[in-house]
């Protein structure tokens, strides 16, 4: 069962990196023809990358630094690292990912944000994220 979980996570990560790769290739090859991008009269678009974290203290810093290198010259991408209070209740003695992230310097960059889901239970997680991202921007 655990192997299936790792396979699913690997597929999800592959999908994220593949889509970012396609976007960067498009950005490099594109001559910024705004008429093709602009079908609503607005040539501004913004990308929000959501990174869910649950017990990710060992790898999240390296992941965020990698994303920071990739998007060094792009101003239209924001990264939201999403944590949960569930970690606090399950790991009484360990540091939670949220508290670890608060100590990282990368969040001084205006394109990196932390969202902490305030409860450990509940089906309204997506509504919480949507509202928090609206208020962050």
Protein backbone atom coordinates (compact mmCIF):
# COMPACT_ATOMS: atom_id res chain seq x y z
CA UNK A 1 0.00 0.00 0.00
CA UNK A 2 2.86 2.34 0.80
CA UNK A 3 4.43 1.65 -2.60
CA UNK A 4 1.22 2.78 -4.29
CA UNK A 5 1.40 6.01 -2.32
CA UNK A 6 4.99 6.62 -3.51
CA UNK A 7 3.99 5.89 -7.11
CA UNK A 8 1.13 8.40 -6.91
CA UNK A 9 3.39 11.05 -5.37
CA UNK A 10 6.01 10.43 -8.08
CA UNK A 11 3.40 10.83 -10.81
CA UNK A 12 2.13 14.06 -9.23
CA UNK A 13 5.66 15.50 -8.99
CA UNK A 14 6.40 14.45 -12.56
CA UNK A 15 3.22 16.21 -13.72
CA UNK A 16 4.17 19.42 -11.90
CA UNK A 17 7.69 19.49 -13.31
CA UNK A 18 6.49 18.55 -16.81
CA UNK A 19 3.97 21.40 -16.84
CA UNK A 20 6.54 23.88 -15.52
CA UNK A 21 8.98 22.66 -18.18
CA UNK A 22 6.38 23.17 -20.92
CA UNK A 23 5.64 26.64 -19.61
CA UNK A 24 9.31 27.65 -19.54
CA UNK A 25 9.90 26.28 -23.05
CA UNK A 26 6.89 28.25 -24.27
CA UNK A 27 8.18 31.36 -22.51
CA UNK A 28 11.63 30.97 -24.09
CA UNK A 29 10.37 30.27 -27.62
CA UNK A 30 7.56 32.78 -27.55
CA UNK A 31 8.14 36.17 -29.08
CA UNK A 32 5.59 37.55 -26.64
CA UNK A 33 2.87 37.86 -29.22
CA UNK A 34 0.30 39.40 -26.91
CA UNK A 35 -2.50 39.08 -29.44
CA UNK A 36 -2.44 35.30 -29.07
CA UNK A 37 -2.29 35.49 -25.28
CA UNK A 38 -4.81 38.28 -25.01
CA UNK A 39 -8.28 37.01 -25.73
CA UNK A 40 -9.99 38.90 -22.88
CA UNK A 41 -8.28 42.25 -23.35
CA UNK A 42 -5.82 41.59 -20.53
CA UNK A 43 -2.32 40.35 -21.25
CA UNK A 44 -1.44 39.83 -17.58
CA UNK A 45 -1.62 36.34 -16.22
CA UNK A 46 -0.50 34.99 -12.90
CA UNK A 47 0.48 31.48 -11.86
CA UNK A 48 -0.03 30.19 -8.33
CA UNK A 49 1.85 26.99 -7.49
CA UNK A 50 0.41 25.17 -4.48
CA UNK A 51 2.82 22.92 -2.61
CA UNK A 52 1.11 20.80 0.06
CA UNK A 53 3.41 19.87 2.95
CA UNK A 54 2.85 17.25 5.58
CA UNK A 55 5.91 16.08 7.50
CA UNK A 56 8.23 17.50 4.83
CA UNK A 57 10.88 19.14 6.99
CA UNK A 58 13.71 17.11 5.46
CA UNK A 59 13.05 18.06 1.81
CA UNK A 60 11.02 21.27 1.64
CA UNK A 61 13.95 23.70 1.90
CA UNK A 62 15.75 22.11 -1.04
CA UNK A 63 12.50 22.05 -3.04
CA UNK A 64 11.83 25.73 -2.44
CA UNK A 65 15.38 26.72 -3.31
CA UNK A 66 15.05 24.78 -6.56
CA UNK A 67 11.84 26.64 -7.44
CA UNK A 68 13.51 29.95 -6.54
CA UNK A 69 16.31 29.25 -9.04
CA UNK A 70 13.84 28.30 -11.77
CA UNK A 71 11.71 31.43 -11.45
CA UNK A 72 14.54 33.90 -10.84
CA UNK A 73 13.55 36.24 -13.70
CA UNK A 74 9.80 35.68 -13.68
CA UNK A 75 7.53 38.01 -11.75
CA UNK A 76 4.16 36.35 -12.41
CA UNK A 77 4.59 33.19 -10.31
CA UNK A 78 3.72 32.81 -6.63
CA UNK A 79 4.43 29.72 -4.55
CA UNK A 80 2.12 28.80 -1.69
CA UNK A 81 3.41 26.21 0.77
CA UNK A 82 0.40 24.71 2.51
CA UNK A 83 0.76 23.15 5.95
CA UNK A 84 -1.75 21.86 8.47
CA UNK A 85 -2.24 21.89 12.22
CA UNK A 86 -2.79 18.13 11.96
CA UNK A 87 0.98 17.70 12.30
CA UNK A 88 0.93 19.45 15.66
CA UNK A 89 -1.59 17.02 17.10
CA UNK A 90 0.05 13.91 15.68
CA UNK A 91 3.66 14.86 16.56
CA UNK A 92 3.57 16.28 20.06
CA UNK A 93 7.35 16.39 20.52
CA UNK A 94 8.53 17.15 16.99
CA UNK A 95 8.78 20.49 15.24
CA UNK A 96 6.00 20.96 12.69
CA UNK A 97 6.65 21.85 9.06
CA UNK A 98 4.88 25.18 9.59
CA UNK A 99 7.21 26.24 12.41
CA UNK A 100 10.21 25.05 10.40
CA UNK A 101 9.09 27.13 7.40
CA UNK A 102 8.70 30.26 9.53
CA UNK A 103 12.44 30.17 10.16
CA UNK A 104 13.46 30.00 6.48
CA UNK A 105 14.84 33.10 4.76
CA UNK A 106 13.21 32.23 1.44
CA UNK A 107 9.87 33.59 2.67
CA UNK A 108 11.31 37.10 2.70
CA UNK A 109 10.86 36.88 -1.09
CA UNK A 110 7.44 38.29 -1.98
CA UNK A 111 6.69 35.32 -4.27
CA UNK A 112 6.80 32.69 -1.53
CA UNK A 113 3.95 32.35 0.96
CA UNK A 114 2.99 30.02 3.80
CA UNK A 115 -0.62 28.97 4.33
CA UNK A 116 -1.37 27.03 7.50
CA UNK A 117 -4.69 25.19 7.61
CA UNK A 118 -5.92 26.01 11.12
CA UNK A 119 -7.75 22.79 12.00
CA UNK A 120 -6.82 19.16 11.88
CA UNK A 121 -10.17 17.96 10.50
CA UNK A 122 -12.68 19.20 7.99
CA UNK A 123 -13.81 18.87 4.38
CA UNK A 124 -13.61 22.60 3.56
CA UNK A 125 -9.88 22.65 2.87
CA UNK A 126 -10.22 23.86 -0.73
CA UNK A 127 -12.49 26.74 0.30
CA UNK A 128 -9.97 27.76 2.93
CA UNK A 129 -7.16 27.80 0.34
CA UNK A 130 -9.17 29.78 -2.19
CA UNK A 131 -10.00 32.49 0.34
CA UNK A 132 -6.46 32.68 1.73
CA UNK A 133 -4.90 33.01 -1.72
CA UNK A 134 -7.34 35.79 -2.60
CA UNK A 135 -6.37 37.70 0.53
CA UNK A 136 -2.64 37.10 0.01
CA UNK A 137 -2.68 38.62 -3.48
